[in-house]
Amino acid sequence: MSESNAPWTQPMPQEQFQRMRDILAAPSPVGLEGAMTYGVLKPYFESFAPQSWAVHQFTGHAGIVLDSHPGEDERFKIMVIGHADKIRMQVRSVGEDGKIWINSDSFLPTTLIGHEVTLFSENPKTPGQYRKIEGGTVEAVGAIHFADPAVRAGDKGIKKEQLYVELQIHGENKKQQVENLGVRAGDSIILNRPIRHGFSPDTFYGAYLDNGLGCFVAAEAARLVAEAGGPNNVRMLTAIASYEEIGRMGSRVMAGELEPDAIIAVDVNHDYKAAPGVGDKKFNPLEMGKGFTLSVGSIASEQLNAVIEQTAKDHDIPMQRDVCGADTGTDGMAGVLASVDCAATSIGFPIRNMHTISETGNTKDTLAAAHAVAKSILALDARDDGREKLRAQFRNNHPRLDTAEPLTHQGSEKPKEQGKED
């Protein structure tokens, strides 16, 4: 069934792009995710959620969960998870010359050099109060003239131990100038480049698509379900998790606390076709601009995947299959890691340059993902009766390969594309 006004086939409205930009721009390094969860997403949830819905908050982390039917544990619970935490650098020490030596966390050191950053310093005199320092850049060798010949030739790279933040400190007592700012070991540093429109149509680039983009999609899916008047039978849990980048710690706590029956994680994926130097590795050909991705393999539920895939087919939402090994690499693992019995999968969108300041995505893929999630939730909602019907369907209908039908040779002619003349 083709939809004449399918949003995933059209440019993203500027108001919606600005909302996405606001979510991605929130300073939310690992362990300090409140700027995104409490500062941006909680008010957004409250702007469209019916009065009967509620937002769960937690003691040990800044994650939040928008709950469509709080306290109604008999309902089939579907948890959609994005993660708010951003990979960050941290202060290691301050040198006598005023250099702030840092670690590189999950960044490739070479990709950091020359980029603007924001340093968040906790006030030593008032623990729990934070200040920000802007105007700094990440550096390593100072200038090509000072680099080892092998580095200058490109035969060797930059080591993480070489990285420091340059605050243009000069004059006397350089180390003291930095210490007077209260900069201490452990302070968080994040890249400073909010997303902007790209050169090519429907593209955008900037820092931290991973994974403010997943949070945006999860939030938009919740809004779409609410605007459709649902859910009526299932219980929708829109989770914005913390700690994903260090082991998916936040989502597994949420799964343990709320015990979902199904999990749909939303996270970025790779554009393998555009990735330099990986062609010979024969990755599945995921490509930016060709639709959202659906994880196949690992712990991904074939039943849940079937619902999402059929929903995409029914609405002509472009989808790509993503092959997983032992681990989805996303919050889709939250249920099994928390020892919660649930059907789980992971969806995403191919991006380029992951874990750099110039991550690049496509708005149509993002919209395709949001609408696929929302329509899949509504499809599951239509199958349920608010009690045990949908839960029983999942328990009693696991795929059985002993019933697989024989397949014979299908010839060499290409299938005709639907809707086209001979």
Protein backbone atom coordinates (compact mmCIF):
# COMPACT_ATOMS: atom_id res chain seq x y z
CA MET A 1 0.00 0.00 0.00
CA SER A 2 1.60 3.24 -1.14
CA GLU A 3 0.98 6.41 0.88
CA SER A 4 0.54 9.57 -1.19
CA ASN A 5 1.91 11.86 1.52
CA ALA A 6 4.62 9.60 2.94
CA PRO A 7 6.89 11.87 5.05
CA TRP A 8 9.89 9.57 4.51
CA THR A 9 9.84 10.43 0.80
CA GLN A 10 9.95 14.19 1.36
CA PRO A 11 12.37 16.73 2.84
CA MET A 12 12.22 17.02 6.62
CA PRO A 13 10.33 20.16 7.69
CA GLN A 14 12.64 22.80 9.17
CA GLU A 15 10.78 22.82 12.49
CA GLN A 16 11.38 19.09 12.85
CA PHE A 17 15.02 19.47 11.79
CA GLN A 18 15.49 22.11 14.48
CA ARG A 19 14.01 19.74 17.06
CA MET A 20 16.46 17.07 15.95
CA ARG A 21 19.30 19.60 16.15
CA ASP A 22 18.31 20.65 19.68
CA ILE A 23 18.33 17.03 20.85
CA LEU A 24 21.71 16.30 19.29
CA ALA A 25 23.25 19.55 20.56
CA ALA A 26 22.46 18.86 24.22
CA PRO A 27 25.73 18.37 26.16
CA SER A 28 25.27 14.84 27.49
CA PRO A 29 28.58 13.00 27.91
CA VAL A 30 28.60 9.56 29.50
CA GLY A 31 27.38 9.84 33.09
CA LEU A 32 26.04 13.38 32.61
CA GLU A 33 23.09 12.81 30.29
CA GLY A 34 20.62 15.11 32.06
CA ALA A 35 20.95 17.96 29.55
CA MET A 36 19.37 15.81 26.87
CA THR A 37 16.97 13.75 28.97
CA TYR A 38 15.71 16.39 31.42
CA GLY A 39 16.59 19.53 29.47
CA VAL A 40 15.20 18.65 26.02
CA LEU A 41 13.35 15.34 25.82
CA LYS A 42 11.29 15.38 29.02
CA PRO A 43 9.70 18.76 28.12
CA TYR A 44 9.12 17.47 24.58
CA PHE A 45 7.43 14.32 25.90
CA GLU A 46 5.20 16.46 28.11
CA SER A 47 4.23 18.62 25.12
CA PHE A 48 2.40 15.79 23.33
CA ALA A 49 1.74 13.05 25.89
CA PRO A 50 -1.85 12.62 27.15
CA GLN A 51 -2.35 13.43 30.83
CA SER A 52 -2.62 9.75 31.73
CA TRP A 53 0.92 9.08 30.50
CA ALA A 54 3.88 9.46 32.86
CA VAL A 55 7.66 9.86 32.78
CA HIS A 56 9.74 7.49 34.90
CA GLN A 57 12.91 8.87 36.47
CA PHE A 58 15.70 6.91 38.12
CA THR A 59 17.99 7.22 41.13
CA GLY A 60 21.36 6.12 39.79
CA HIS A 61 21.31 7.57 36.28
CA ALA A 62 19.67 10.34 34.26
CA GLY A 63 17.72 8.12 31.88
CA ILE A 64 13.96 8.60 31.50
CA VAL A 65 11.06 6.49 30.21
CA LEU A 66 7.78 7.84 28.81
CA ASP A 67 5.07 5.35 29.82
CA SER A 68 1.70 5.22 28.05
CA HIS A 69 -0.01 3.10 30.75
CA PRO A 70 1.88 3.51 34.04
CA GLY A 71 1.36 0.69 36.52
CA GLU A 72 -0.61 -1.54 34.12
CA ASP A 73 1.76 -4.50 34.18
CA GLU A 74 -0.74 -6.93 32.67
CA ARG A 75 -0.39 -5.19 29.29
CA PHE A 76 2.14 -6.29 26.66
CA LYS A 77 5.00 -3.82 27.13
CA ILE A 78 6.98 -2.54 24.14
CA MET A 79 10.14 -0.61 25.02
CA VAL A 80 11.72 1.59 22.34
CA ILE A 81 15.24 2.62 23.37
CA GLY A 82 17.56 5.39 22.24
CA HIS A 83 20.66 6.33 24.23
CA ALA A 84 21.48 9.88 25.28
CA ASP A 85 25.11 9.42 26.31
CA LYS A 86 27.87 10.77 24.09
CA ILE A 87 31.42 9.52 23.91
CA ARG A 88 33.66 12.11 25.48
CA MET A 89 37.23 12.92 26.29
CA GLN A 90 38.37 13.43 29.87
CA VAL A 91 41.10 15.48 31.52
CA ARG A 92 44.07 13.38 32.64
CA SER A 93 46.41 16.06 33.96
CA VAL A 94 47.56 19.66 33.54
CA GLY A 95 51.11 20.36 32.38
CA GLU A 96 53.46 23.10 33.57
CA ASP A 97 53.04 24.80 30.20
CA GLY A 98 49.24 24.97 30.54
CA LYS A 99 48.47 22.03 28.30
CA ILE A 100 45.45 20.00 29.44
CA TRP A 101 46.34 16.38 28.72
CA ILE A 102 43.33 14.24 27.84
CA ASN A 103 42.28 10.73 26.86
CA SER A 104 40.60 9.91 23.56
CA ASP A 105 37.89 7.52 24.84
CA SER A 106 36.22 5.92 21.78
CA PHE A 107 37.58 8.43 19.29
CA LEU A 108 40.38 7.66 16.84
CA PRO A 109 43.05 10.13 18.06
CA THR A 110 43.92 11.39 14.57
CA THR A 111 40.33 12.51 13.92
CA LEU A 112 40.33 14.84 16.93
CA ILE A 113 43.18 17.18 16.05
CA GLY A 114 42.25 20.81 15.45
CA HIS A 115 38.61 20.51 16.44
CA GLU A 116 36.81 22.83 18.84
CA VAL A 117 35.67 21.36 22.13
CA THR A 118 33.78 22.36 25.25
CA LEU A 119 35.25 21.42 28.62
CA PHE A 120 32.83 20.98 31.52
CA SER A 121 34.52 21.62 34.84
CA GLU A 122 33.00 20.76 38.20
CA ASN A 123 33.49 23.59 40.68
CA PRO A 124 35.95 22.27 43.30
CA LYS A 125 34.49 24.68 45.85
CA THR A 126 30.90 23.62 45.14
CA PRO A 127 30.77 19.94 44.15
CA GLY A 128 27.84 19.22 41.84
CA GLN A 129 28.01 22.65 40.18
CA TYR A 130 29.41 22.73 36.66
CA ARG A 131 30.95 25.45 34.51
CA LYS A 132 31.87 25.26 30.82
CA ILE A 133 34.99 26.43 29.04
CA GLU A 134 34.70 27.17 25.34
CA GLY A 135 37.32 28.27 22.83
CA GLY A 136 39.63 25.29 23.23
CA THR A 137 40.88 22.92 20.55
CA VAL A 138 42.37 19.43 20.59
CA GLU A 139 46.00 19.31 19.50
CA ALA A 140 48.85 16.78 19.47
CA VAL A 141 52.12 17.87 17.81
CA GLY A 142 51.64 21.62 17.56
CA ALA A 143 52.66 21.82 13.91
CA ILE A 144 53.76 19.48 11.14
CA HIS A 145 57.27 20.94 11.53
CA PHE A 146 57.58 19.30 14.95
CA ALA A 147 56.26 15.86 13.99
CA ASP A 148 58.41 12.77 13.62
CA PRO A 149 59.31 12.02 9.99
CA ALA A 150 57.12 8.89 10.03
CA VAL A 151 54.13 10.94 11.21
CA ARG A 152 54.80 13.62 8.60
CA ALA A 153 54.94 10.95 5.91
CA GLY A 154 51.74 9.33 7.08
CA ASP A 155 53.46 6.05 7.99
CA LYS A 156 52.56 6.46 11.66
CA GLY A 157 49.58 8.02 13.40
CA ILE A 158 48.95 10.08 16.48
CA LYS A 159 48.97 8.28 19.82
CA LYS A 160 46.25 8.99 22.34
CA GLU A 161 48.90 10.00 24.89
CA GLN A 162 49.85 12.93 22.65
CA LEU A 163 46.45 14.63 22.83
CA TYR A 164 45.89 17.82 24.79
CA VAL A 165 43.42 20.71 24.89
CA GLU A 166 44.86 24.05 23.83
CA LEU A 167 43.35 27.02 25.70
CA GLN A 168 45.86 29.52 24.30
CA ILE A 169 47.37 29.96 27.78
CA HIS A 170 50.36 32.32 27.85
CA GLY A 171 52.29 34.48 30.27
CA GLU A 172 53.49 33.52 33.73
CA ASN A 173 52.32 30.57 35.85
CA LYS A 174 50.62 28.78 32.98
CA LYS A 175 49.67 25.68 34.97
CA GLN A 176 48.29 27.86 37.74
CA GLN A 177 46.13 29.74 35.24
CA VAL A 178 44.45 26.46 34.33
CA GLU A 179 44.20 25.25 37.91
CA ASN A 180 42.58 28.56 38.88
CA LEU A 181 39.76 27.59 36.50
CA GLY A 182 39.13 24.51 38.62
CA VAL A 183 40.05 22.10 35.83
CA ARG A 184 40.68 18.68 37.35
CA ALA A 185 41.33 15.11 36.30
CA GLY A 186 38.12 13.46 35.11
CA ASP A 187 36.42 16.59 33.77
CA SER A 188 34.44 15.83 30.60
CA ILE A 189 35.19 17.28 27.17
CA ILE A 190 32.89 17.01 24.15
CA LEU A 191 33.14 18.06 20.53
CA ASN A 192 31.51 21.36 19.63
CA ARG A 193 29.78 21.09 16.26
CA PRO A 194 25.97 21.08 16.19
CA ILE A 195 24.47 19.48 13.10
CA ARG A 196 23.75 21.50 9.98
CA HIS A 197 22.32 20.78 6.55
CA GLY A 198 24.73 19.06 4.18
CA PHE A 199 25.54 19.92 0.58
CA SER A 200 23.55 17.05 -0.94
CA PRO A 201 19.74 16.99 -0.63
CA ASP A 202 18.29 15.59 2.60
CA THR A 203 21.69 15.22 4.28
CA PHE A 204 23.11 16.66 7.47
CA TYR A 205 26.38 16.41 9.35
CA GLY A 206 27.97 17.26 12.68
CA ALA A 207 28.91 15.67 15.98
CA TYR A 208 27.03 13.05 17.94
CA LEU A 209 24.51 11.56 15.57
CA ASP A 210 25.48 8.59 17.75
CA ASN A 211 23.08 8.55 19.37
CA GLY A 212 21.02 11.66 19.77
CA LEU A 213 19.58 10.55 16.45
CA GLY A 214 18.20 7.37 18.03
CA CYS A 215 16.65 9.43 20.82
CA PHE A 216 15.05 11.73 18.27
CA VAL A 217 13.55 8.78 16.37
CA ALA A 218 12.27 7.15 19.57
CA ALA A 219 10.65 10.44 20.63
CA GLU A 220 9.12 11.08 17.20
CA ALA A 221 7.72 7.54 17.10
CA ALA A 222 6.07 8.11 20.49
CA ARG A 223 4.56 11.38 19.24
CA LEU A 224 3.22 9.71 16.11
CA VAL A 225 1.59 6.94 18.15
CA ALA A 226 0.05 9.50 20.49
CA GLU A 227 -1.27 11.56 17.57
CA ALA A 228 -2.82 8.38 16.12
CA GLY A 229 -4.78 7.94 19.36
CA GLY A 230 -2.78 4.96 20.57
CA PRO A 231 -1.77 2.73 21.98
CA ASN A 232 -5.04 1.22 23.17
CA ASN A 233 -3.99 -2.29 24.16
CA VAL A 234 -0.22 -2.47 24.49
CA ARG A 235 1.88 -0.41 26.89
CA MET A 236 4.46 1.73 25.09
CA LEU A 237 7.67 2.59 26.95
CA THR A 238 9.86 5.18 25.23
CA ALA A 239 13.23 4.88 26.94
CA ILE A 240 16.11 7.34 26.72
CA ALA A 241 19.02 5.44 28.20
CA SER A 242 22.38 6.36 29.68
CA TYR A 243 25.73 4.52 29.67
CA GLU A 244 25.27 2.74 26.31
CA GLU A 245 28.75 3.63 25.12
CA ILE A 246 30.38 1.89 28.09
CA GLY A 247 28.41 -1.35 28.02
CA ARG A 248 24.68 -0.57 27.73
CA MET A 249 24.43 -0.22 31.49
CA GLY A 250 21.48 2.18 31.52
CA SER A 251 19.15 0.24 29.25
CA ARG A 252 19.70 -3.02 31.08
CA VAL A 253 18.67 -1.30 34.33
CA MET A 254 15.53 0.01 32.62
CA ALA A 255 14.75 -3.45 31.26
CA GLY A 256 15.30 -4.95 34.69
CA GLU A 257 13.05 -2.39 36.34
CA LEU A 258 10.16 -2.36 33.83
CA GLU A 259 10.42 -5.90 32.36
CA PRO A 260 9.33 -5.23 28.77
CA ASP A 261 7.88 -8.00 26.60
CA ALA A 262 9.51 -6.52 23.50
CA ILE A 263 12.44 -4.17 22.89
CA ILE A 264 13.17 -2.12 19.78
CA ALA A 265 16.53 -0.39 20.08
CA VAL A 266 17.20 2.59 17.82
CA ASP A 267 20.83 3.41 17.05
CA VAL A 268 23.04 4.54 14.22
CA ASN A 269 24.49 2.08 11.73
CA HIS A 270 27.25 2.23 9.09
CA ASP A 271 27.07 3.16 5.43
CA TYR A 272 29.27 0.25 4.37
CA LYS A 273 29.10 1.09 0.68
CA ALA A 274 30.71 4.49 1.29
CA ALA A 275 33.19 3.35 3.96
CA PRO A 276 36.71 3.58 2.52
CA GLY A 277 38.81 0.44 2.46
CA VAL A 278 36.14 -2.09 3.46
CA GLY A 279 34.92 -3.25 0.05
CA ASP A 280 36.93 -6.48 0.15
CA LYS A 281 35.40 -7.45 3.49
CA LYS A 282 32.07 -8.19 1.79
CA PHE A 283 29.88 -6.42 4.36
CA ASN A 284 26.18 -6.30 3.63
CA PRO A 285 25.70 -3.24 1.40
CA LEU A 286 23.94 -0.83 3.75
CA GLU A 287 23.74 2.62 2.21
CA MET A 288 22.74 6.07 3.38
CA GLY A 289 19.56 7.28 1.70
CA LYS A 290 18.15 3.78 1.11
CA GLY A 291 15.99 3.51 4.23
CA PHE A 292 16.24 2.33 7.82
CA THR A 293 18.08 -0.85 8.83
CA LEU A 294 16.73 -3.91 10.65
CA SER A 295 19.04 -6.23 12.60
CA VAL A 296 18.99 -9.91 11.66
CA GLY A 297 20.89 -12.45 13.75
CA SER A 298 22.27 -12.28 17.29
CA ILE A 299 19.31 -12.11 19.70
CA ALA A 300 17.00 -10.40 17.19
CA SER A 301 13.51 -11.90 17.38
CA GLU A 302 12.34 -13.25 14.03
CA GLN A 303 8.73 -12.71 15.12
CA LEU A 304 9.27 -9.08 16.01
CA ASN A 305 11.31 -8.55 12.87
CA ALA A 306 8.49 -10.05 10.80
CA VAL A 307 6.06 -7.45 12.19
CA ILE A 308 8.44 -4.58 11.41
CA GLU A 309 9.29 -5.89 7.96
CA GLN A 310 5.64 -6.48 7.04
CA THR A 311 4.75 -3.02 8.32
CA ALA A 312 7.46 -1.50 6.13
CA LYS A 313 6.15 -3.43 3.12
CA ASP A 314 2.56 -2.41 3.81
CA HIS A 315 3.46 1.27 3.84
CA ASP A 316 6.28 1.29 1.26
CA ILE A 317 8.83 2.37 3.87
CA PRO A 318 12.32 1.56 2.55
CA MET A 319 14.21 -0.95 4.71
CA GLN A 320 17.62 -2.64 4.64
CA ARG A 321 18.58 -5.86 6.43
CA ASP A 322 21.58 -5.59 8.74
CA VAL A 323 23.51 -8.78 9.50
CA CYS A 324 24.55 -9.14 13.16
CA GLY A 325 26.90 -11.65 14.70
CA ALA A 326 26.87 -12.53 18.38
CA ASP A 327 25.82 -9.05 19.49
CA THR A 328 23.64 -6.35 17.97
CA GLY A 329 26.05 -3.75 19.34
CA THR A 330 23.07 -1.72 20.59
CA ASP A 331 20.61 -1.42 23.47
CA GLY A 332 18.71 -4.24 21.78
CA MET A 333 20.75 -6.49 24.07
CA ALA A 334 19.27 -4.88 27.21
CA GLY A 335 16.71 -7.60 27.86
CA VAL A 336 19.07 -10.56 27.76
CA LEU A 337 21.74 -8.64 29.68
CA ALA A 338 19.15 -7.92 32.39
CA SER A 339 17.87 -11.53 32.34
CA VAL A 340 14.44 -10.37 31.16
CA ASP A 341 12.48 -12.63 28.79
CA CYS A 342 11.52 -10.45 25.84
CA ALA A 343 11.45 -10.36 22.06
CA ALA A 344 14.06 -7.86 20.91
CA THR A 345 15.55 -6.30 17.83
CA SER A 346 17.42 -3.22 16.72
CA ILE A 347 16.78 -0.73 13.94
CA GLY A 348 18.99 2.04 12.68
CA PHE A 349 20.06 4.28 9.83
CA PRO A 350 23.33 4.16 7.91
CA ILE A 351 25.63 7.09 8.66
CA ARG A 352 29.14 7.96 7.60
CA ASN A 353 32.19 8.86 9.69
CA MET A 354 30.89 7.39 12.97
CA HIS A 355 32.62 8.63 16.14
CA THR A 356 34.01 11.73 14.46
CA ILE A 357 33.01 15.41 14.47
CA SER A 358 31.56 15.03 10.96
CA GLU A 359 29.09 12.18 11.29
CA THR A 360 26.76 12.33 8.28
CA GLY A 361 23.18 11.15 7.92
CA ASN A 362 20.09 11.36 5.75
CA THR A 363 16.82 12.84 6.98
CA LYS A 364 14.71 10.46 4.88
CA ASP A 365 16.31 7.44 6.57
CA THR A 366 15.60 9.05 9.93
CA LEU A 367 11.96 9.69 9.07
CA ALA A 368 11.60 6.18 7.66
CA ALA A 369 12.83 4.76 10.96
CA ALA A 370 10.48 6.91 13.07
CA HIS A 371 7.41 6.00 11.03
CA ALA A 372 8.37 2.32 10.84
CA VAL A 373 8.65 2.14 14.63
CA ALA A 374 5.38 4.01 15.18
CA LYS A 375 3.44 1.93 12.65
CA SER A 376 4.90 -1.31 14.01
CA ILE A 377 3.74 -0.40 17.51
CA LEU A 378 0.27 0.35 16.17
CA ALA A 379 0.29 -2.97 14.28
CA LEU A 380 1.18 -4.85 17.47
CA ASP A 381 -1.45 -2.85 19.32
CA ALA A 382 -4.09 -4.01 16.82
CA ARG A 383 -3.17 -7.65 17.47
CA ASP A 384 -3.60 -7.42 21.23
CA ASP A 385 -6.56 -7.35 23.61
CA GLY A 386 -4.86 -5.55 26.51
CA ARG A 387 -4.30 -8.76 28.44
CA GLU A 388 -2.48 -11.91 27.28
CA LYS A 389 -3.35 -12.29 23.59
CA LEU A 390 -0.19 -10.79 22.08
CA ARG A 391 2.06 -12.32 24.72
CA ALA A 392 0.60 -15.74 23.90
CA GLN A 393 1.13 -15.16 20.18
CA PHE A 394 4.83 -14.56 20.71
CA ARG A 395 5.18 -17.57 23.00
CA ASN A 396 3.35 -19.99 20.72
CA ASN A 397 4.63 -18.96 17.30
CA HIS A 398 8.40 -19.23 17.30
CA PRO A 399 9.62 -20.07 13.78
CA ARG A 400 10.23 -23.79 13.15
CA LEU A 401 12.59 -24.69 10.35
CA ASP A 402 11.37 -28.30 10.36
CA THR A 403 8.26 -26.95 8.61
CA ALA A 404 10.24 -25.08 5.94
CA GLU A 405 8.96 -25.74 2.42
CA PRO A 406 11.27 -27.02 -0.34
CA LEU A 407 12.43 -24.37 -2.79
CA THR A 408 13.29 -25.15 -6.41
CA HIS A 409 15.16 -23.17 -9.06
CA GLN A 410 13.25 -20.01 -9.97
CA GLY A 411 14.71 -19.23 -13.40
CA SER A 412 16.94 -16.38 -14.55
CA GLU A 413 14.47 -13.61 -15.41
CA LYS A 414 14.43 -10.58 -13.16
CA PRO A 415 11.14 -10.06 -11.28
CA LYS A 416 8.98 -7.28 -12.66
CA GLU A 417 8.85 -4.22 -10.46
CA GLN A 418 5.42 -3.73 -8.92
CA GLY A 419 3.41 -0.98 -10.55
CA LYS A 420 5.49 -0.82 -13.75
CA GLU A 421 4.32 -1.77 -17.24
CA ASP A 422 5.95 -4.65 -19.14
